[in-house]
Protein backbone atom coordinates (compact mmCIF):
# COMPACT_ATOMS: atom_id res chain seq x y z
CA MET A 1 1.57 -19.70 32.30
CA ILE A 2 -0.27 -22.27 30.17
CA GLN A 3 -2.76 -19.59 29.17
CA MET A 4 0.04 -17.33 27.93
CA ILE A 5 1.74 -20.15 25.99
CA LEU A 6 -1.56 -21.14 24.32
CA ALA A 7 -2.26 -17.51 23.45
CA ILE A 8 1.21 -17.07 21.93
CA ILE A 9 0.79 -20.27 19.88
CA LEU A 10 -2.62 -19.15 18.57
CA MET A 11 -1.40 -15.66 17.70
CA SER A 12 1.73 -17.04 16.03
CA CYS A 13 -0.38 -19.40 13.91
CA GLY A 14 -2.61 -16.49 12.94
CA LEU A 15 0.33 -14.31 11.94
CA PHE A 16 1.88 -17.19 9.97
CA ILE A 17 -1.36 -17.77 8.05
CA LEU A 18 -1.74 -14.04 7.34
CA GLY A 19 1.86 -13.90 6.10
CA ILE A 20 1.31 -16.86 3.78
CA ALA A 21 -1.87 -15.17 2.51
CA THR A 22 0.08 -12.03 1.71
CA ILE A 23 2.60 -14.03 -0.30
CA GLY A 24 -0.24 -15.87 -2.06
CA ILE A 25 -2.01 -12.66 -3.00
CA PHE A 26 1.12 -11.35 -4.72
CA ARG A 27 1.96 -14.69 -6.33
CA PHE A 28 -1.33 -15.43 -8.11
CA ASP A 29 -2.04 -13.80 -11.46
CA TYR A 30 -5.80 -13.50 -11.66
CA VAL A 31 -8.23 -11.57 -9.53
CA LEU A 32 -10.41 -14.57 -8.72
CA ASN A 33 -7.45 -16.55 -7.40
CA ARG A 34 -6.39 -13.61 -5.26
CA ILE A 35 -9.89 -13.23 -3.86
CA HIS A 36 -9.95 -16.92 -2.97
CA VAL A 37 -6.66 -16.67 -1.08
CA ALA A 38 -7.73 -13.52 0.68
CA ALA A 39 -11.09 -14.93 1.74
CA LYS A 40 -9.82 -18.20 3.11
CA CYS A 41 -6.58 -17.15 4.72
CA ASP A 42 -7.69 -13.81 6.11
CA THR A 43 -10.65 -15.42 7.81
CA LEU A 44 -8.58 -18.24 9.30
CA GLY A 45 -5.68 -15.99 10.29
CA ALA A 46 -7.93 -13.43 11.96
CA ILE A 47 -9.82 -16.16 13.82
CA PHE A 48 -6.56 -17.64 15.17
CA PHE A 49 -5.17 -14.25 16.15
CA LEU A 50 -8.36 -13.03 17.84
CA SER A 51 -8.71 -16.38 19.62
CA GLY A 52 -5.20 -15.90 20.95
CA LEU A 53 -6.12 -12.43 22.18
CA ALA A 54 -9.22 -13.82 23.89
CA VAL A 55 -7.18 -16.53 25.63
CA TRP A 56 -4.49 -14.01 26.61
CA ASN A 57 -7.07 -11.65 28.11
CA GLY A 58 -8.82 -14.35 30.15
CA TRP A 59 -12.52 -15.02 30.32
CA ASN A 60 -14.25 -11.69 30.82
CA PHE A 61 -16.37 -9.19 28.90
CA VAL A 62 -13.56 -8.24 26.51
CA SER A 63 -13.15 -11.91 25.55
CA LEU A 64 -16.86 -12.07 24.83
CA LYS A 65 -16.48 -9.09 22.49
CA LEU A 66 -13.56 -10.80 20.74
CA ILE A 67 -15.62 -13.97 20.30
CA LEU A 68 -18.44 -11.92 18.79
CA ILE A 69 -15.95 -10.30 16.40
CA ILE A 70 -14.73 -13.78 15.42
CA ALA A 71 -18.31 -14.87 14.69
CA PHE A 72 -18.94 -11.71 12.67
CA LEU A 73 -15.76 -12.23 10.61
CA TRP A 74 -16.56 -15.90 10.09
CA ILE A 75 -19.93 -15.01 8.59
CA THR A 76 -19.19 -11.82 6.66
CA ASN A 77 -15.73 -12.32 5.14
CA PRO A 78 -16.64 -15.22 2.80
CA VAL A 79 -19.88 -13.51 1.79
CA VAL A 80 -18.13 -10.26 0.91
CA SER A 81 -15.44 -12.11 -1.05
CA HIS A 82 -18.12 -13.96 -2.99
CA LEU A 83 -19.84 -10.68 -3.87
CA VAL A 84 -16.56 -9.11 -4.99
CA ALA A 85 -15.85 -12.15 -7.18
CA ARG A 86 -19.31 -11.98 -8.77
CA THR A 87 -18.81 -8.29 -9.46
CA GLU A 88 -15.45 -8.99 -11.08
CA ILE A 89 -16.99 -11.67 -13.31
CA ARG A 90 -19.77 -9.32 -14.42
CA THR A 91 -17.68 -6.22 -15.03
CA ASN A 92 -14.47 -7.61 -16.57
CA PRO A 93 -15.12 -8.78 -20.15
CA GLU A 94 -11.54 -10.02 -20.61
CA LEU A 95 -11.81 -12.40 -17.67
CA LYS A 96 -13.40 -15.08 -19.86
CA TYR A 97 -10.14 -15.37 -21.79
CA LYS A 98 -7.99 -15.60 -18.67
CA CYS A 99 -10.07 -17.79 -16.33
CA GLU A 100 -12.70 -20.44 -16.65
CA THR A 101 -15.90 -18.84 -15.38
CA ILE A 102 -19.53 -19.85 -15.23
CA GLU A 103 -21.99 -17.73 -17.20
CA VAL A 104 -24.21 -15.73 -14.84
CA GLN A 105 -27.72 -15.18 -16.06
CA GLN A 106 -29.64 -11.99 -15.36
CA GLU A 107 -32.28 -14.00 -13.44
CA ASP A 108 -29.62 -15.18 -10.97
CA ILE A 109 -29.13 -11.68 -9.60
């Protein structure tokens, strides 16, 4: 019973964070702000939701797989968002007029 309540709380927190992220993505104007919201909230929301699924399932091999997925998301999602943001800075010449960006040198690649 406690396991089910904890799992429902974790999954509800994850869904709440993902819902707030969706609102934030539509609310912000610039691409870099949207990427920031997506990177932070999607990672946190997915971690909460998958943790809830692992608790709901109990401690077995499937929970181990879910924990490995959590670790993979925790590492890869911020890295991918950073790469998308760098690509946006390099390819959008009008971004300098909309956002404050740091100049990226060719040697930094």
